[in-house]
Amino acid sequence: MYLFVEAWTPKPAWLALSREEREGYVSQVASGMSQLQAAGVQVVGWGFSDDAARGTDHVAFAVRQCPTRQAANELRQAVEHARWYEYFEQLDLGGEVESPEVVLEHHVNLGS
């Protein structure tokens, strides 16, 4: 299993759109998400960053589960194709899900 995590903040280009233009764009994004779901990409959740967030000032986030890295790459391509980055400043990351022990052991072994 592969997780894909995004955090974003609206850019001035988004704020400059009318409400109708924003609604039209959101409708297109929703349609694209349906296609990704058919490819096995599942939404774990969307939300707003709380005041305890560290390392980012982004206001919203999404977490998705992808069956493979290829599916996560297709998600990234779909986001770019949707012109999301024109409207939102975004940070994203992803990777294979591992156990805490595997990740912590990796950290212990760094530089050895």
PDB file of N, CA and C in Angstrom:
ATOM      1  N   MET A   1       0.857  -1.182   0.000  1.00  0.00           N
ATOM      2  CA  MET A   1       0.000   0.000   0.000  1.00  0.00           C
ATOM      3  C   MET A   1       0.895   1.235   0.000  1.00  0.00           C
ATOM      4  N   TYR A   2       0.460   2.250  -0.705  1.00  0.00           N
ATOM      5  CA  TYR A   2       1.184   3.501  -0.865  1.00  0.00           C
ATOM      6  C   TYR A   2       0.277   4.618  -0.354  1.00  0.00           C
ATOM      7  N   LEU A   3       0.816   5.505   0.468  1.00  0.00           N
ATOM      8  CA  LEU A   3       0.047   6.671   0.920  1.00  0.00           C
ATOM      9  C   LEU A   3       0.531   7.914   0.201  1.00  0.00           C
ATOM     10  N   PHE A   4      -0.389   8.786  -0.093  1.00  0.00           N
ATOM     11  CA  PHE A   4      -0.099  10.057  -0.749  1.00  0.00           C
ATOM     12  C   PHE A   4      -0.738  11.154   0.103  1.00  0.00           C
ATOM     13  N   VAL A   5       0.088  12.098   0.560  1.00  0.00           N
ATOM     14  CA  VAL A   5      -0.364  13.158   1.457  1.00  0.00           C
ATOM     15  C   VAL A   5      -0.113  14.505   0.786  1.00  0.00           C
ATOM     16  N   GLU A   6      -1.130  15.352   0.794  1.00  0.00           N
ATOM     17  CA  GLU A   6      -1.027  16.693   0.226  1.00  0.00           C
ATOM     18  C   GLU A   6      -1.425  17.726   1.275  1.00  0.00           C
ATOM     19  N   ALA A   7      -0.790  18.882   1.207  1.00  0.00           N
ATOM     20  CA  ALA A   7      -1.201  20.033   2.018  1.00  0.00           C
ATOM     21  C   ALA A   7      -1.132  21.246   1.105  1.00  0.00           C
ATOM     22  N   TRP A   8      -2.125  22.139   1.206  1.00  0.00           N
ATOM     23  CA  TRP A   8      -2.166  23.264   0.274  1.00  0.00           C
ATOM     24  C   TRP A   8      -2.796  24.507   0.895  1.00  0.00           C
ATOM     25  N   THR A   9      -2.535  25.611   0.183  1.00  0.00           N
ATOM     26  CA  THR A   9      -3.084  26.929   0.519  1.00  0.00           C
ATOM     27  C   THR A   9      -3.503  27.595  -0.780  1.00  0.00           C
ATOM     28  N   PRO A  10      -4.673  28.214  -0.831  1.00  0.00           N
ATOM     29  CA  PRO A  10      -5.077  28.919  -2.051  1.00  0.00           C
ATOM     30  C   PRO A  10      -4.110  30.049  -2.401  1.00  0.00           C
ATOM     31  N   LYS A  11      -3.840  30.179  -3.704  1.00  0.00           N
ATOM     32  CA  LYS A  11      -3.012  31.271  -4.226  1.00  0.00           C
ATOM     33  C   LYS A  11      -3.916  32.449  -4.618  1.00  0.00           C
ATOM     34  N   PRO A  12      -3.330  33.603  -4.858  1.00  0.00           N
ATOM     35  CA  PRO A  12      -4.124  34.744  -5.334  1.00  0.00           C
ATOM     36  C   PRO A  12      -4.921  34.436  -6.610  1.00  0.00           C
ATOM     37  N   ALA A  13      -4.392  33.568  -7.466  1.00  0.00           N
ATOM     38  CA  ALA A  13      -5.121  33.214  -8.697  1.00  0.00           C
ATOM     39  C   ALA A  13      -6.462  32.561  -8.373  1.00  0.00           C
ATOM     40  N   TRP A  14      -6.522  31.756  -7.303  1.00  0.00           N
ATOM     41  CA  TRP A  14      -7.777  31.136  -6.884  1.00  0.00           C
ATOM     42  C   TRP A  14      -8.723  32.200  -6.337  1.00  0.00           C
ATOM     43  N   LEU A  15      -8.183  33.058  -5.517  1.00  0.00           N
ATOM     44  CA  LEU A  15      -9.001  34.091  -4.888  1.00  0.00           C
ATOM     45  C   LEU A  15      -9.556  35.077  -5.912  1.00  0.00           C
ATOM     46  N   ALA A  16      -8.873  35.196  -7.054  1.00  0.00           N
ATOM     47  CA  ALA A  16      -9.320  36.109  -8.106  1.00  0.00           C
ATOM     48  C   ALA A  16     -10.483  35.548  -8.922  1.00  0.00           C
ATOM     49  N   LEU A  17     -10.721  34.237  -8.843  1.00  0.00           N
ATOM     50  CA  LEU A  17     -11.833  33.628  -9.584  1.00  0.00           C
ATOM     51  C   LEU A  17     -13.168  34.014  -8.943  1.00  0.00           C
ATOM     52  N   SER A  18     -14.182  34.085  -9.782  1.00  0.00           N
ATOM     53  CA  SER A  18     -15.528  34.309  -9.244  1.00  0.00           C
ATOM     54  C   SER A  18     -16.011  33.035  -8.560  1.00  0.00           C
ATOM     55  N   ARG A  19     -17.054  33.161  -7.793  1.00  0.00           N
ATOM     56  CA  ARG A  19     -17.632  31.985  -7.136  1.00  0.00           C
ATOM     57  C   ARG A  19     -18.063  30.946  -8.173  1.00  0.00           C
ATOM     58  N   GLU A  20     -18.648  31.393  -9.266  1.00  0.00           N
ATOM     59  CA  GLU A  20     -19.096  30.478 -10.319  1.00  0.00           C
ATOM     60  C   GLU A  20     -17.907  29.748 -10.938  1.00  0.00           C
ATOM     61  N   GLU A  21     -16.798  30.458 -11.172  1.00  0.00           N
ATOM     62  CA  GLU A  21     -15.610  29.819 -11.732  1.00  0.00           C
ATOM     63  C   GLU A  21     -15.039  28.784 -10.754  1.00  0.00           C
ATOM     64  N   ARG A  22     -15.033  29.108  -9.489  1.00  0.00           N
ATOM     65  CA  ARG A  22     -14.551  28.160  -8.475  1.00  0.00           C
ATOM     66  C   ARG A  22     -15.441  26.921  -8.438  1.00  0.00           C
ATOM     67  N   GLU A  23     -16.770  27.126  -8.481  1.00  0.00           N
ATOM     68  CA  GLU A  23     -17.690  25.990  -8.473  1.00  0.00           C
ATOM     69  C   GLU A  23     -17.472  25.101  -9.681  1.00  0.00           C
ATOM     70  N   GLY A  24     -17.247  25.690 -10.846  1.00  0.00           N
ATOM     71  CA  GLY A  24     -16.979  24.914 -12.052  1.00  0.00           C
ATOM     72  C   GLY A  24     -15.699  24.106 -11.934  1.00  0.00           C
ATOM     73  N   TYR A  25     -14.681  24.720 -11.389  1.00  0.00           N
ATOM     74  CA  TYR A  25     -13.414  24.023 -11.213  1.00  0.00           C
ATOM     75  C   TYR A  25     -13.564  22.862 -10.226  1.00  0.00           C
ATOM     76  N   VAL A  26     -14.216  23.112  -9.105  1.00  0.00           N
ATOM     77  CA  VAL A  26     -14.424  22.072  -8.100  1.00  0.00           C
ATOM     78  C   VAL A  26     -15.220  20.912  -8.687  1.00  0.00           C
ATOM     79  N   SER A  27     -16.168  21.195  -9.524  1.00  0.00           N
ATOM     80  CA  SER A  27     -16.944  20.147 -10.177  1.00  0.00           C
ATOM     81  C   SER A  27     -16.047  19.260 -11.043  1.00  0.00           C
ATOM     82  N   GLN A  28     -15.124  19.877 -11.764  1.00  0.00           N
ATOM     83  CA  GLN A  28     -14.187  19.108 -12.594  1.00  0.00           C
ATOM     84  C   GLN A  28     -13.273  18.245 -11.726  1.00  0.00           C
ATOM     85  N   VAL A  29     -12.805  18.806 -10.611  1.00  0.00           N
ATOM     86  CA  VAL A  29     -11.940  18.047  -9.707  1.00  0.00           C
ATOM     87  C   VAL A  29     -12.696  16.841  -9.162  1.00  0.00           C
ATOM     88  N   ALA A  30     -13.942  17.016  -8.774  1.00  0.00           N
ATOM     89  CA  ALA A  30     -14.750  15.909  -8.251  1.00  0.00           C
ATOM     90  C   ALA A  30     -14.894  14.811  -9.294  1.00  0.00           C
ATOM     91  N   SER A  31     -15.087  15.190 -10.544  1.00  0.00           N
ATOM     92  CA  SER A  31     -15.198  14.207 -11.619  1.00  0.00           C
ATOM     93  C   SER A  31     -13.886  13.441 -11.775  1.00  0.00           C
ATOM     94  N   GLY A  32     -12.776  14.142 -11.716  1.00  0.00           N
ATOM     95  CA  GLY A  32     -11.469  13.489 -11.823  1.00  0.00           C
ATOM     96  C   GLY A  32     -11.207  12.538 -10.673  1.00  0.00           C
ATOM     97  N   MET A  33     -11.674  12.890  -9.480  1.00  0.00           N
ATOM     98  CA  MET A  33     -11.486  12.014  -8.327  1.00  0.00           C
ATOM     99  C   MET A  33     -12.246  10.711  -8.514  1.00  0.00           C
ATOM    100  N   SER A  34     -13.404  10.763  -9.155  1.00  0.00           N
ATOM    101  CA  SER A  34     -14.163   9.540  -9.425  1.00  0.00           C
ATOM    102  C   SER A  34     -13.375   8.598 -10.326  1.00  0.00           C
ATOM    103  N   GLN A  35     -12.695   9.151 -11.311  1.00  0.00           N
ATOM    104  CA  GLN A  35     -11.881   8.328 -12.212  1.00  0.00           C
ATOM    105  C   GLN A  35     -10.718   7.687 -11.467  1.00  0.00           C
ATOM    106  N   LEU A  36     -10.113   8.443 -10.540  1.00  0.00           N
ATOM    107  CA  LEU A  36      -9.007   7.898  -9.761  1.00  0.00           C
ATOM    108  C   LEU A  36      -9.486   6.782  -8.831  1.00  0.00           C
ATOM    109  N   GLN A  37     -10.685   6.931  -8.283  1.00  0.00           N
ATOM    110  CA  GLN A  37     -11.243   5.887  -7.427  1.00  0.00           C
ATOM    111  C   GLN A  37     -11.404   4.591  -8.206  1.00  0.00           C
ATOM    112  N   ALA A  38     -11.788   4.699  -9.472  1.00  0.00           N
ATOM    113  CA  ALA A  38     -11.924   3.514 -10.313  1.00  0.00           C
ATOM    114  C   ALA A  38     -10.573   2.831 -10.508  1.00  0.00           C
ATOM    115  N   ALA A  39      -9.471   3.598 -10.385  1.00  0.00           N
ATOM    116  CA  ALA A  39      -8.123   3.035 -10.513  1.00  0.00           C
ATOM    117  C   ALA A  39      -7.579   2.547  -9.174  1.00  0.00           C
ATOM    118  N   GLY A  40      -8.413   2.577  -8.129  1.00  0.00           N
ATOM    119  CA  GLY A  40      -8.005   2.055  -6.839  1.00  0.00           C
ATOM    120  C   GLY A  40      -7.510   3.075  -5.837  1.00  0.00           C
ATOM    121  N   VAL A  41      -7.519   4.355  -6.208  1.00  0.00           N
ATOM    122  CA  VAL A  41      -7.092   5.408  -5.284  1.00  0.00           C
ATOM    123  C   VAL A  41      -8.256   5.712  -4.345  1.00  0.00           C
ATOM    124  N   GLN A  42      -8.015   5.570  -3.041  1.00  0.00           N
ATOM    125  CA  GLN A  42      -9.071   5.787  -2.057  1.00  0.00           C
ATOM    126  C   GLN A  42      -8.760   6.995  -1.192  1.00  0.00           C
ATOM    127  N   VAL A  43      -9.769   7.782  -0.911  1.00  0.00           N
ATOM    128  CA  VAL A  43      -9.625   8.918  -0.012  1.00  0.00           C
ATOM    129  C   VAL A  43      -9.663   8.405   1.424  1.00  0.00           C
ATOM    130  N   VAL A  44      -8.607   8.696   2.174  1.00  0.00           N
ATOM    131  CA  VAL A  44      -8.593   8.394   3.607  1.00  0.00           C
ATOM    132  C   VAL A  44      -9.276   9.535   4.339  1.00  0.00           C
ATOM    133  N   GLY A  45      -8.988  10.759   3.894  1.00  0.00           N
ATOM    134  CA  GLY A  45      -9.652  11.907   4.488  1.00  0.00           C
ATOM    135  C   GLY A  45      -9.105  13.223   3.982  1.00  0.00           C
ATOM    136  N   TRP A  46      -9.941  14.243   4.076  1.00  0.00           N
ATOM    137  CA  TRP A  46      -9.581  15.625   3.790  1.00  0.00           C
ATOM    138  C   TRP A  46      -9.847  16.418   5.060  1.00  0.00           C
ATOM    139  N   GLY A  47      -9.150  17.527   5.231  1.00  0.00           N
ATOM    140  CA  GLY A  47      -9.401  18.346   6.406  1.00  0.00           C
ATOM    141  C   GLY A  47      -8.668  19.665   6.359  1.00  0.00           C
ATOM    142  N   PHE A  48      -8.771  20.382   7.465  1.00  0.00           N
ATOM    143  CA  PHE A  48      -8.094  21.666   7.632  1.00  0.00           C
ATOM    144  C   PHE A  48      -7.012  21.513   8.686  1.00  0.00           C
ATOM    145  N   SER A  49      -5.878  22.113   8.446  1.00  0.00           N
ATOM    146  CA  SER A  49      -4.773  22.064   9.402  1.00  0.00           C
ATOM    147  C   SER A  49      -5.178  22.763  10.687  1.00  0.00           C
ATOM    148  N   ASP A  50      -4.868  22.131  11.804  1.00  0.00           N
ATOM    149  CA  ASP A  50      -5.190  22.773  13.068  1.00  0.00           C
ATOM    150  C   ASP A  50      -4.011  23.639  13.532  1.00  0.00           C
ATOM    151  N   ASP A  51      -4.200  24.353  14.626  1.00  0.00           N
ATOM    152  CA  ASP A  51      -3.184  25.302  15.078  1.00  0.00           C
ATOM    153  C   ASP A  51      -1.953  24.625  15.668  1.00  0.00           C
ATOM    154  N   ALA A  52      -1.958  23.315  15.779  1.00  0.00           N
ATOM    155  CA  ALA A  52      -0.796  22.589  16.282  1.00  0.00           C
ATOM    156  C   ALA A  52       0.107  22.081  15.150  1.00  0.00           C
ATOM    157  N   ALA A  53      -0.253  22.358  13.898  1.00  0.00           N
ATOM    158  CA  ALA A  53       0.543  21.896  12.758  1.00  0.00           C
ATOM    159  C   ALA A  53       1.956  22.463  12.841  1.00  0.00           C
ATOM    160  N   ARG A  54       2.932  21.633  12.504  1.00  0.00           N
ATOM    161  CA  ARG A  54       4.333  22.061  12.533  1.00  0.00           C
ATOM    162  C   ARG A  54       4.943  21.864  11.163  1.00  0.00           C
ATOM    163  N   GLY A  55       5.749  22.815  10.752  1.00  0.00           N
ATOM    164  CA  GLY A  55       6.496  22.669   9.511  1.00  0.00           C
ATOM    165  C   GLY A  55       5.777  23.128   8.265  1.00  0.00           C
ATOM    166  N   THR A  56       4.544  23.559   8.403  1.00  0.00           N
ATOM    167  CA  THR A  56       3.811  24.056   7.242  1.00  0.00           C
ATOM    168  C   THR A  56       2.741  25.045   7.691  1.00  0.00           C
ATOM    169  N   ASP A  57       2.477  25.990   6.831  1.00  0.00           N
ATOM    170  CA  ASP A  57       1.395  26.938   7.076  1.00  0.00           C
ATOM    171  C   ASP A  57       0.194  26.658   6.179  1.00  0.00           C
ATOM    172  N   HIS A  58       0.235  25.546   5.449  1.00  0.00           N
ATOM    173  CA  HIS A  58      -0.872  25.224   4.556  1.00  0.00           C
ATOM    174  C   HIS A  58      -2.154  25.024   5.357  1.00  0.00           C
ATOM    175  N   VAL A  59      -3.267  25.421   4.738  1.00  0.00           N
ATOM    176  CA  VAL A  59      -4.538  25.450   5.472  1.00  0.00           C
ATOM    177  C   VAL A  59      -5.367  24.173   5.344  1.00  0.00           C
ATOM    178  N   ALA A  60      -5.099  23.366   4.332  1.00  0.00           N
ATOM    179  CA  ALA A  60      -5.919  22.169   4.114  1.00  0.00           C
ATOM    180  C   ALA A  60      -5.017  21.002   3.741  1.00  0.00           C
ATOM    181  N   PHE A  61      -5.567  19.790   3.864  1.00  0.00           N
ATOM    182  CA  PHE A  61      -4.789  18.596   3.528  1.00  0.00           C
ATOM    183  C   PHE A  61      -5.708  17.491   3.037  1.00  0.00           C
ATOM    184  N   ALA A  62      -5.087  16.524   2.372  1.00  0.00           N
ATOM    185  CA  ALA A  62      -5.781  15.307   1.957  1.00  0.00           C
ATOM    186  C   ALA A  62      -4.812  14.144   2.103  1.00  0.00           C
ATOM    187  N   VAL A  63      -5.354  13.000   2.468  1.00  0.00           N
ATOM    188  CA  VAL A  63      -4.580  11.762   2.552  1.00  0.00           C
ATOM    189  C   VAL A  63      -5.309  10.733   1.699  1.00  0.00           C
ATOM    190  N   ARG A  64      -4.547  10.098   0.814  1.00  0.00           N
ATOM    191  CA  ARG A  64      -5.127   9.077  -0.060  1.00  0.00           C
ATOM    192  C   ARG A  64      -4.310   7.806   0.036  1.00  0.00           C
ATOM    193  N   GLN A  65      -4.984   6.700  -0.134  1.00  0.00           N
ATOM    194  CA  GLN A  65      -4.346   5.390  -0.179  1.00  0.00           C
ATOM    195  C   GLN A  65      -4.351   4.936  -1.631  1.00  0.00           C
ATOM    196  N   CYS A  66      -3.188   4.533  -2.114  1.00  0.00           N
ATOM    197  CA  CYS A  66      -3.049   4.080  -3.495  1.00  0.00           C
ATOM    198  C   CYS A  66      -2.559   2.635  -3.492  1.00  0.00           C
ATOM    199  N   PRO A  67      -3.021   1.832  -4.419  1.00  0.00           N
ATOM    200  CA  PRO A  67      -2.605   0.427  -4.419  1.00  0.00           C
ATOM    201  C   PRO A  67      -1.129   0.249  -4.796  1.00  0.00           C
ATOM    202  N   THR A  68      -0.586   1.187  -5.582  1.00  0.00           N
ATOM    203  CA  THR A  68       0.800   1.077  -6.049  1.00  0.00           C
ATOM    204  C   THR A  68       1.404   2.474  -6.189  1.00  0.00           C
ATOM    205  N   ARG A  69       2.713   2.498  -6.328  1.00  0.00           N
ATOM    206  CA  ARG A  69       3.383   3.779  -6.594  1.00  0.00           C
ATOM    207  C   ARG A  69       2.919   4.335  -7.940  1.00  0.00           C
ATOM    208  N   GLN A  70       2.707   3.473  -8.910  1.00  0.00           N
ATOM    209  CA  GLN A  70       2.226   3.921 -10.218  1.00  0.00           C
ATOM    210  C   GLN A  70       0.887   4.640 -10.081  1.00  0.00           C
ATOM    211  N   ALA A  71      -0.006   4.133  -9.256  1.00  0.00           N
ATOM    212  CA  ALA A  71      -1.296   4.796  -9.045  1.00  0.00           C
ATOM    213  C   ALA A  71      -1.083   6.164  -8.390  1.00  0.00           C
ATOM    214  N   ALA A  72      -0.132   6.255  -7.462  1.00  0.00           N
ATOM    215  CA  ALA A  72       0.178   7.547  -6.840  1.00  0.00           C
ATOM    216  C   ALA A  72       0.748   8.511  -7.871  1.00  0.00           C
ATOM    217  N   ASN A  73       1.587   8.019  -8.768  1.00  0.00           N
ATOM    218  CA  ASN A  73       2.124   8.873  -9.832  1.00  0.00           C
ATOM    219  C   ASN A  73       1.013   9.345 -10.767  1.00  0.00           C
ATOM    220  N   GLU A  74       0.046   8.480 -11.038  1.00  0.00           N
ATOM    221  CA  GLU A  74      -1.099   8.876 -11.860  1.00  0.00           C
ATOM    222  C   GLU A  74      -1.907   9.960 -11.150  1.00  0.00           C
ATOM    223  N   LEU A  75      -2.023   9.846  -9.840  1.00  0.00           N
ATOM    224  CA  LEU A  75      -2.702  10.879  -9.055  1.00  0.00           C
ATOM    225  C   LEU A  75      -1.961  12.205  -9.186  1.00  0.00           C
ATOM    226  N   ARG A  76      -0.645  12.180  -9.035  1.00  0.00           N
ATOM    227  CA  ARG A  76       0.147  13.412  -9.186  1.00  0.00           C
ATOM    228  C   ARG A  76      -0.063  14.033 -10.573  1.00  0.00           C
ATOM    229  N   GLN A  77      -0.061  13.190 -11.601  1.00  0.00           N
ATOM    230  CA  GLN A  77      -0.266  13.682 -12.964  1.00  0.00           C
ATOM    231  C   GLN A  77      -1.655  14.282 -13.128  1.00  0.00           C
ATOM    232  N   ALA A  78      -2.644  13.661 -12.528  1.00  0.00           N
ATOM    233  CA  ALA A  78      -4.012  14.182 -12.619  1.00  0.00           C
ATOM    234  C   ALA A  78      -4.127  15.535 -11.929  1.00  0.00           C
ATOM    235  N   VAL A  79      -3.457  15.681 -10.788  1.00  0.00           N
ATOM    236  CA  VAL A  79      -3.473  16.959 -10.072  1.00  0.00           C
ATOM    237  C   VAL A  79      -2.841  18.040 -10.941  1.00  0.00           C
ATOM    238  N   GLU A  80      -1.710  17.715 -11.535  1.00  0.00           N
ATOM    239  CA  GLU A  80      -1.040  18.690 -12.401  1.00  0.00           C
ATOM    240  C   GLU A  80      -1.888  19.011 -13.630  1.00  0.00           C
ATOM    241  N   HIS A  81      -2.453  17.980 -14.243  1.00  0.00           N
ATOM    242  CA  HIS A  81      -3.288  18.163 -15.433  1.00  0.00           C
ATOM    243  C   HIS A  81      -4.513  19.042 -15.135  1.00  0.00           C
ATOM    244  N   ALA A  82      -5.008  18.953 -13.909  1.00  0.00           N
ATOM    245  CA  ALA A  82      -6.174  19.749 -13.512  1.00  0.00           C
ATOM    246  C   ALA A  82      -5.811  21.219 -13.240  1.00  0.00           C
ATOM    247  N   ARG A  83      -4.524  21.546 -13.403  1.00  0.00           N
ATOM    248  CA  ARG A  83      -4.030  22.913 -13.180  1.00  0.00           C
ATOM    249  C   ARG A  83      -4.144  23.323 -11.702  1.00  0.00           C
ATOM    250  N   TRP A  84      -4.163  22.353 -10.799  1.00  0.00           N
ATOM    251  CA  TRP A  84      -4.275  22.604  -9.362  1.00  0.00           C
ATOM    252  C   TRP A  84      -3.174  23.550  -8.891  1.00  0.00           C
ATOM    253  N   TYR A  85      -1.951  23.347  -9.399  1.00  0.00           N
ATOM    254  CA  TYR A  85      -0.808  24.129  -8.926  1.00  0.00           C
ATOM    255  C   TYR A  85      -0.884  25.593  -9.347  1.00  0.00           C
ATOM    256  N   GLU A  86      -1.710  25.896 -10.320  1.00  0.00           N
ATOM    257  CA  GLU A  86      -1.933  27.307 -10.681  1.00  0.00           C
ATOM    258  C   GLU A  86      -2.737  28.019  -9.601  1.00  0.00           C
ATOM    259  N   TYR A  87      -3.577  27.276  -8.912  1.00  0.00           N
ATOM    260  CA  TYR A  87      -4.504  27.860  -7.943  1.00  0.00           C
ATOM    261  C   TYR A  87      -4.102  27.633  -6.478  1.00  0.00           C
ATOM    262  N   PHE A  88      -3.239  26.639  -6.236  1.00  0.00           N
ATOM    263  CA  PHE A  88      -2.905  26.288  -4.859  1.00  0.00           C
ATOM    264  C   PHE A  88      -1.407  26.051  -4.710  1.00  0.00           C
ATOM    265  N   GLU A  89      -0.848  26.623  -3.662  1.00  0.00           N
ATOM    266  CA  GLU A  89       0.531  26.319  -3.278  1.00  0.00           C
ATOM    267  C   GLU A  89       0.471  24.988  -2.546  1.00  0.00           C
ATOM    268  N   GLN A  90       1.242  24.010  -2.992  1.00  0.00           N
ATOM    269  CA  GLN A  90       1.068  22.658  -2.463  1.00  0.00           C
ATOM    270  C   GLN A  90       2.385  22.002  -2.079  1.00  0.00           C
ATOM    271  N   LEU A  91       2.287  21.212  -1.048  1.00  0.00           N
ATOM    272  CA  LEU A  91       3.335  20.300  -0.618  1.00  0.00           C
ATOM    273  C   LEU A  91       2.736  18.907  -0.730  1.00  0.00           C
ATOM    274  N   ASP A  92       3.477  17.954  -1.293  1.00  0.00           N
ATOM    275  CA  ASP A  92       2.973  16.582  -1.267  1.00  0.00           C
ATOM    276  C   ASP A  92       4.125  15.622  -1.021  1.00  0.00           C
ATOM    277  N   LEU A  93       3.761  14.484  -0.490  1.00  0.00           N
ATOM    278  CA  LEU A  93       4.723  13.422  -0.250  1.00  0.00           C
ATOM    279  C   LEU A  93       3.982  12.106  -0.247  1.00  0.00           C
ATOM    280  N   GLY A  94       4.731  11.059  -0.446  1.00  0.00           N
ATOM    281  CA  GLY A  94       4.110   9.750  -0.449  1.00  0.00           C
ATOM    282  C   GLY A  94       5.146   8.669  -0.295  1.00  0.00           C
ATOM    283  N   GLY A  95       4.683   7.471  -0.006  1.00  0.00           N
ATOM    284  CA  GLY A  95       5.585   6.348   0.123  1.00  0.00           C
ATOM    285  C   GLY A  95       4.855   5.084   0.516  1.00  0.00           C
ATOM    286  N   GLU A  96       5.587   3.979   0.382  1.00  0.00           N
ATOM    287  CA  GLU A  96       5.067   2.686   0.813  1.00  0.00           C
ATOM    288  C   GLU A  96       4.858   2.719   2.317  1.00  0.00           C
ATOM    289  N   VAL A  97       3.779   2.138   2.757  1.00  0.00           N
ATOM    290  CA  VAL A  97       3.513   2.046   4.187  1.00  0.00           C
ATOM    291  C   VAL A  97       4.401   0.949   4.776  1.00  0.00           C
ATOM    292  N   GLU A  98       5.070   1.291   5.848  1.00  0.00           N
ATOM    293  CA  GLU A  98       5.938   0.364   6.571  1.00  0.00           C
ATOM    294  C   GLU A  98       5.522   0.342   8.037  1.00  0.00           C
ATOM    295  N   SER A  99       6.022  -0.607   8.766  1.00  0.00           N
ATOM    296  CA  SER A  99       5.760  -0.647  10.206  1.00  0.00           C
ATOM    297  C   SER A  99       6.646   0.389  10.903  1.00  0.00           C
ATOM    298  N   PRO A 100       6.242   0.846  12.087  1.00  0.00           N
ATOM    299  CA  PRO A 100       7.101   1.765  12.827  1.00  0.00           C
ATOM    300  C   PRO A 100       8.496   1.182  13.055  1.00  0.00           C
ATOM    301  N   GLU A 101       8.570  -0.120  13.303  1.00  0.00           N
ATOM    302  CA  GLU A 101       9.864  -0.753  13.560  1.00  0.00           C
ATOM    303  C   GLU A 101      10.803  -0.630  12.361  1.00  0.00           C
ATOM    304  N   VAL A 102      10.289  -0.838  11.162  1.00  0.00           N
ATOM    305  CA  VAL A 102      11.115  -0.741   9.950  1.00  0.00           C
ATOM    306  C   VAL A 102      11.635   0.679   9.777  1.00  0.00           C
ATOM    307  N   VAL A 103      10.777   1.662   9.955  1.00  0.00           N
ATOM    308  CA  VAL A 103      11.184   3.060   9.774  1.00  0.00           C
ATOM    309  C   VAL A 103      12.194   3.463  10.844  1.00  0.00           C
ATOM    310  N   LEU A 104      11.923   3.109  12.105  1.00  0.00           N
ATOM    311  CA  LEU A 104      12.840   3.486  13.180  1.00  0.00           C
ATOM    312  C   LEU A 104      14.185   2.776  13.048  1.00  0.00           C
ATOM    313  N   GLU A 105      14.169   1.530  12.616  1.00  0.00           N
ATOM    314  CA  GLU A 105      15.423   0.803  12.390  1.00  0.00           C
ATOM    315  C   GLU A 105      16.239   1.486  11.296  1.00  0.00           C
ATOM    316  N   HIS A 106      15.573   1.941  10.257  1.00  0.00           N
ATOM    317  CA  HIS A 106      16.253   2.703   9.207  1.00  0.00           C
ATOM    318  C   HIS A 106      16.966   3.907   9.799  1.00  0.00           C
ATOM    319  N   HIS A 107      16.283   4.640  10.663  1.00  0.00           N
ATOM    320  CA  HIS A 107      16.871   5.830  11.282  1.00  0.00           C
ATOM    321  C   HIS A 107      18.060   5.471  12.158  1.00  0.00           C
ATOM    322  N   VAL A 108      17.944   4.372  12.903  1.00  0.00           N
ATOM    323  CA  VAL A 108      19.032   3.922  13.758  1.00  0.00           C
ATOM    324  C   VAL A 108      20.280   3.601  12.932  1.00  0.00           C
ATOM    325  N   ASN A 109      20.080   3.009  11.751  1.00  0.00           N
ATOM    326  CA  ASN A 109      21.187   2.560  10.924  1.00  0.00           C
ATOM    327  C   ASN A 109      21.808   3.656  10.060  1.00  0.00           C
ATOM    328  N   LEU A 110      21.265   4.846  10.065  1.00  0.00           N
ATOM    329  CA  LEU A 110      21.820   5.926   9.233  1.00  0.00           C
ATOM    330  C   LEU A 110      23.279   6.195   9.621  1.00  0.00           C
ATOM    331  N   GLY A 111      24.117   6.308   8.622  1.00  0.00           N
ATOM    332  CA  GLY A 111      25.519   6.625   8.838  1.00  0.00           C
ATOM    333  C   GLY A 111      26.347   5.464   9.342  1.00  0.00           C
ATOM    334  N   SER A 112      25.747   4.296   9.467  1.00  0.00           N
ATOM    335  CA  SER A 112      26.507   3.135   9.973  1.00  0.00           C
ATOM    336  C   SER A 112      27.266   2.451   8.852  1.00  0.00           C
TER     337      SER A 112
END
